[in-house]
Protein backbone atom coordinates (compact mmCIF):
# COMPACT_ATOMS: atom_id res chain seq x y z
CA MET A 1 122.10 91.14 123.69
CA GLY A 2 122.54 88.49 126.40
CA ALA A 3 121.57 84.89 126.25
CA PRO A 4 117.85 83.95 126.10
CA THR A 5 116.42 83.55 129.62
CA VAL A 6 114.23 80.46 128.43
CA LEU A 7 115.52 77.82 125.88
CA LEU A 8 112.97 75.84 123.99
CA GLU A 9 113.97 72.61 122.06
CA LYS A 10 111.42 70.45 120.17
CA SER A 11 112.13 66.88 119.28
CA GLY A 12 109.31 65.16 117.45
CA GLU A 13 106.27 65.67 119.79
CA ILE A 14 108.30 66.41 122.95
CA ALA A 15 109.24 69.91 123.88
CA THR A 16 111.86 70.77 126.57
CA VAL A 17 111.72 74.08 128.09
CA THR A 18 114.94 75.15 130.03
CA LEU A 19 115.17 78.09 132.41
CA ASN A 20 118.49 79.72 131.45
CA ARG A 21 119.91 81.99 133.85
CA PRO A 22 122.45 79.56 135.45
CA GLU A 23 124.65 82.39 136.83
CA ALA A 24 121.77 83.49 138.98
CA LEU A 25 120.51 79.88 139.87
CA ASN A 26 117.76 80.54 137.27
CA ALA A 27 116.17 83.18 139.58
CA LEU A 28 112.76 84.35 138.21
CA SER A 29 113.50 87.83 136.91
CA MET A 30 110.74 89.79 135.34
CA GLU A 31 112.23 89.11 131.89
CA LEU A 32 112.42 85.34 132.56
CA ARG A 33 108.80 85.22 133.95
CA GLU A 34 107.42 86.92 130.95
CA GLU A 35 109.40 84.83 128.47
CA LEU A 36 108.33 81.65 130.30
CA ALA A 37 104.69 82.70 130.06
CA ARG A 38 105.02 83.37 126.47
CA THR A 39 106.76 80.06 125.87
CA PHE A 40 104.03 78.09 127.55
CA ASP A 41 101.27 80.05 125.83
CA SER A 42 102.94 79.20 122.52
CA LEU A 43 103.13 75.41 123.39
CA ALA A 44 99.47 75.51 124.56
CA GLY A 45 98.48 76.31 120.99
CA ASP A 46 100.81 73.94 119.29
CA PRO A 47 99.04 70.59 118.38
CA ALA A 48 102.23 69.02 117.40
CA THR A 49 103.67 69.24 120.92
CA ARG A 50 102.09 66.51 123.08
CA VAL A 51 104.40 66.51 126.13
CA VAL A 52 106.41 69.15 127.82
CA ILE A 53 109.60 68.71 130.01
CA LEU A 54 110.55 71.61 132.20
CA THR A 55 114.12 71.93 133.67
CA GLY A 56 116.74 74.39 134.58
CA ALA A 57 120.20 75.12 133.39
CA GLY A 58 123.25 74.61 135.66
CA ARG A 59 122.97 73.49 139.25
CA ALA A 60 119.42 74.90 140.06
CA PHE A 61 116.00 74.32 138.76
CA SER A 62 115.14 77.84 140.09
CA ALA A 63 116.05 79.82 143.13
CA GLY A 64 112.72 81.54 143.01
CA VAL A 65 111.69 85.20 142.37
CA ASP A 66 114.82 87.47 141.82
CA LEU A 67 115.09 89.12 145.16
CA LYS A 68 117.94 91.52 143.95
CA GLU A 69 115.85 92.71 141.15
CA LEU A 70 112.74 92.91 143.50
CA GLY A 71 114.71 94.99 146.02
CA ARG A 72 115.67 97.44 143.23
CA SER A 73 112.17 97.62 141.69
CA ARG A 74 110.05 100.62 142.03
CA PRO A 75 107.52 100.11 144.96
CA SER A 76 103.83 100.43 144.54
CA SER A 77 102.03 103.68 145.46
CA ASP A 78 101.62 102.35 148.98
CA GLY A 79 105.30 101.50 149.22
CA ARG A 80 104.95 97.63 148.74
CA ALA A 81 107.24 95.64 146.63
CA ASP A 82 105.70 94.34 143.41
CA VAL A 83 106.19 90.60 143.47
CA ARG A 84 103.89 89.46 140.68
CA GLY A 85 104.36 92.37 138.38
CA ALA A 86 102.10 93.41 135.56
CA GLY A 87 103.45 91.13 132.81
CA PRO A 88 102.13 87.69 131.71
CA ASP A 89 102.04 85.23 134.74
CA PRO A 90 104.10 81.90 134.16
CA MET A 91 102.01 79.99 136.48
CA VAL A 92 98.74 80.91 134.84
CA ALA A 93 100.44 79.97 131.54
CA LEU A 94 101.78 76.67 133.02
CA GLU A 95 98.25 75.66 134.47
CA GLY A 96 96.77 76.47 131.01
CA LEU A 97 98.93 73.88 129.17
CA PRO A 98 96.78 70.97 127.92
CA GLN A 99 99.92 68.86 127.58
CA PRO A 100 101.31 66.77 130.37
CA VAL A 101 104.19 68.58 131.97
CA ILE A 102 107.09 66.64 133.41
CA GLY A 103 109.30 68.63 135.84
CA ALA A 104 112.97 67.64 135.66
CA ILE A 105 114.47 68.98 139.03
CA ASN A 106 118.03 69.19 138.42
CA GLY A 107 119.12 71.17 141.52
CA TYR A 108 117.69 73.84 143.82
CA ALA A 109 113.91 74.60 143.59
CA ILE A 110 113.24 77.19 146.02
CA THR A 111 110.26 79.28 146.96
CA GLY A 112 108.81 80.58 143.58
CA GLY A 113 110.92 77.89 141.91
CA PHE A 114 109.30 75.31 144.22
CA GLU A 115 105.88 76.78 143.14
CA ILE A 116 106.83 76.25 139.48
CA ALA A 117 107.73 72.71 140.10
CA LEU A 118 104.49 72.08 142.03
CA GLY A 119 102.64 73.27 138.83
CA CYS A 120 104.00 70.44 136.81
CA ASP A 121 101.98 67.20 136.55
CA LEU A 122 104.73 64.92 137.86
CA LEU A 123 108.26 65.48 139.15
CA ILE A 124 111.49 63.58 138.52
CA ALA A 125 114.39 64.53 140.68
CA SER A 126 118.13 64.47 140.25
CA THR A 127 120.14 63.25 143.36
CA ALA A 128 121.26 66.99 143.46
CA ALA A 129 117.72 68.26 143.69
CA ARG A 130 116.92 70.36 146.85
CA PHE A 131 113.50 71.85 147.71
CA ALA A 132 112.75 74.72 150.05
CA ASP A 133 109.98 77.12 150.80
CA THR A 134 111.53 80.32 152.21
CA HIS A 135 108.40 82.63 151.88
CA ALA A 136 108.20 83.08 155.67
CA ARG A 137 111.84 83.92 156.00
CA VAL A 138 111.84 86.57 153.09
CA GLY A 139 108.62 87.90 154.56
CA ILE A 140 106.11 87.37 151.79
CA LEU A 141 103.29 85.04 151.42
CA PRO A 142 102.99 82.57 148.40
CA GLY A 143 100.83 83.71 145.36
CA TRP A 144 101.32 80.73 143.03
CA GLY A 145 99.62 78.05 144.94
CA LEU A 146 102.36 76.58 147.31
CA SER A 147 100.34 77.01 150.44
CA GLN A 148 97.65 74.77 148.99
CA ARG A 149 99.45 72.41 146.63
CA LEU A 150 102.15 71.32 148.95
CA GLY A 151 100.02 70.01 151.65
CA ARG A 152 97.89 68.04 149.13
CA ALA A 153 101.08 66.70 147.75
CA ILE A 154 102.80 65.54 150.89
CA GLY A 155 100.45 65.92 153.75
CA LEU A 156 99.49 68.99 155.85
CA TYR A 157 101.91 68.54 158.74
CA ARG A 158 104.93 67.82 156.56
CA ALA A 159 103.96 70.81 154.43
CA LYS A 160 103.86 72.92 157.57
CA GLU A 161 107.09 71.72 158.70
CA LEU A 162 108.82 72.92 155.44
CA SER A 163 106.81 76.17 155.04
CA LEU A 164 107.14 77.27 158.78
CA THR A 165 110.83 76.55 159.10
CA GLY A 166 112.20 77.37 155.69
CA ASN A 167 114.30 74.24 155.85
CA PHE A 168 115.55 72.22 152.84
CA LEU A 169 114.22 68.92 151.76
CA ASP A 170 116.50 66.78 149.93
CA ALA A 171 115.78 64.25 146.97
CA PRO A 172 115.63 60.97 148.86
CA ARG A 173 113.40 62.62 151.50
CA ALA A 174 111.19 64.10 148.79
CA TYR A 175 110.83 60.67 147.22
CA GLU A 176 110.00 59.12 150.66
CA TRP A 177 107.27 61.87 151.19
CA GLY A 178 105.84 61.31 147.73
CA LEU A 179 106.72 64.72 146.20
CA VAL A 180 108.78 63.26 143.42
CA SER A 181 108.08 60.08 141.44
CA ARG A 182 111.79 58.97 141.09
CA VAL A 183 115.19 60.03 141.98
CA VAL A 184 117.99 59.44 139.44
CA GLU A 185 121.64 60.49 138.89
CA PRO A 186 122.16 63.82 137.24
CA GLU A 187 123.07 62.26 133.95
CA ALA A 188 120.08 60.18 133.90
CA LEU A 189 117.60 62.88 134.66
CA LEU A 190 116.59 64.15 131.14
CA PRO A 191 116.86 60.59 129.54
CA THR A 192 114.45 59.33 132.27
CA CYS A 193 112.04 62.18 131.53
CA ARG A 194 112.30 61.55 127.78
CA ALA A 195 111.52 57.95 128.34
CA LEU A 196 108.38 58.75 130.49
CA ALA A 197 107.32 61.27 127.68
CA ALA A 198 107.62 58.59 125.03
CA ASP A 199 105.45 56.29 127.23
CA MET A 200 102.84 59.22 127.34
CA LEU A 201 103.24 59.54 123.50
CA SER A 202 102.08 55.85 123.13
CA CYS A 203 98.73 56.81 124.64
CA ASP A 204 95.83 58.17 122.53
CA ALA A 205 96.43 61.85 122.14
CA ALA A 206 93.04 63.19 122.77
CA THR A 207 92.32 60.90 125.76
CA LEU A 208 95.70 61.94 127.28
CA ARG A 209 94.71 65.66 127.25
CA GLY A 210 91.30 64.81 128.48
CA TYR A 211 92.48 62.70 131.34
CA LYS A 212 94.84 65.52 132.47
CA LYS A 213 91.82 67.91 132.31
CA VAL A 214 89.50 65.83 134.29
CA ILE A 215 92.25 65.09 137.20
CA ASP A 216 93.04 68.92 137.29
CA GLU A 217 89.46 69.89 137.42
CA GLY A 218 88.56 67.26 140.04
CA PHE A 219 91.49 68.23 142.19
CA ALA A 220 89.96 71.58 142.95
CA GLN A 221 86.59 70.08 144.08
CA SER A 222 85.18 68.01 146.85
CA PHE A 223 85.35 64.15 146.30
CA GLY A 224 81.55 63.89 145.57
CA GLU A 225 81.78 66.81 143.10
CA ALA A 226 84.89 65.27 141.48
CA LEU A 227 83.06 61.88 140.99
CA GLU A 228 80.32 63.59 139.16
CA LEU A 229 82.73 65.55 137.02
CA GLU A 230 84.45 62.26 135.97
CA THR A 231 81.09 60.69 135.06
CA ARG A 232 80.07 63.78 132.91
CA HIS A 233 83.36 63.74 131.10
CA SER A 234 83.50 59.98 130.72
CA ARG A 235 79.99 59.97 129.19
CA GLU A 236 80.82 62.84 126.75
CA HIS A 237 84.06 61.14 125.76
CA MET A 238 82.54 57.77 125.03
CA ARG A 239 80.37 59.18 122.50
CA SER A 240 83.34 59.67 120.34
CA VAL A 241 84.90 56.16 120.89
CA GLN A 242 84.63 53.59 118.18
CA ALA A 243 84.70 49.86 118.91
CA ALA A 244 87.24 49.23 116.14
CA ASP A 245 89.62 51.82 117.84
CA VAL A 246 89.20 50.08 121.25
CA GLU A 247 90.03 46.68 119.68
CA ARG A 248 92.99 48.04 117.94
CA ARG A 249 94.35 49.64 121.07
CA ARG A 250 93.71 46.65 123.22
CA THR A 251 95.96 44.57 120.79
CA GLU A 252 98.69 47.32 121.05
CA ILE A 253 98.54 47.17 124.87
CA GLN A 254 98.88 43.34 124.93
CA LYS A 255 102.03 43.68 122.53
CA ARG A 256 103.40 46.26 124.87
CA GLY A 257 102.79 44.21 127.91
CA ARG A 258 104.53 41.14 126.35
CA ALA A 259 107.51 43.31 125.40
CA GLN A 260 107.75 44.82 128.90
CA ASP A 261 107.69 41.33 130.46
CA ARG A 262 110.57 40.19 128.10
CA ASP A 263 112.59 43.31 129.13
CA GLY A 264 111.98 42.52 132.74
CA HIS A 265 110.04 45.84 133.39
């Protein structure tokens, strides 16, 4: 029996999920895709896990769908290659996570791997990170949201430049274009993500999940509809807010702000 294709490590309320096919640049084989979906589904139902970090083993985040496996797979009845497969879908499972997901992009994030990265809530990149959309070069169209998410993240014309050329985007340019929040040295990647996760853990747990939900739901709507959505969620949430809790959290925020001023942050 070989090594597991997905590693799951829990430390307190933080879960780190690692794609674990380093010898294949973490190419998304059917086995890995199904195991990743199962892992996300298990975390979605785990109230003890409040933040998820997603990364890859070795020098790649993920090189995308395993094209070698796809080329050997049995075609559908009309002769087409089956890219998505019949098993559980990792993108559906990723999108279903109520916890914030921090993408720790350690290396190559290509095509399907790029799509998985875009499914995270924020991205932190190593200086070794490289992004590319090679769908057009391979001869397939994206099915996990890249054609819609990328333009919303970096702008339509920049997205078209990447998707219609298949060219690589390095970490500094990805930061310049707003795709990633930070670029750090490889050894600082996971510590930086864990520090951000710890910051998230200092927020109210229910509100953190609710805030992610309202952002994601509004993202798929028009601006006017999204504002109405926020108003509804805000009114519903305020019914459960106690004045004493607000005062306690206000005091905690002041203490935290003073501590950050002392530390120079």
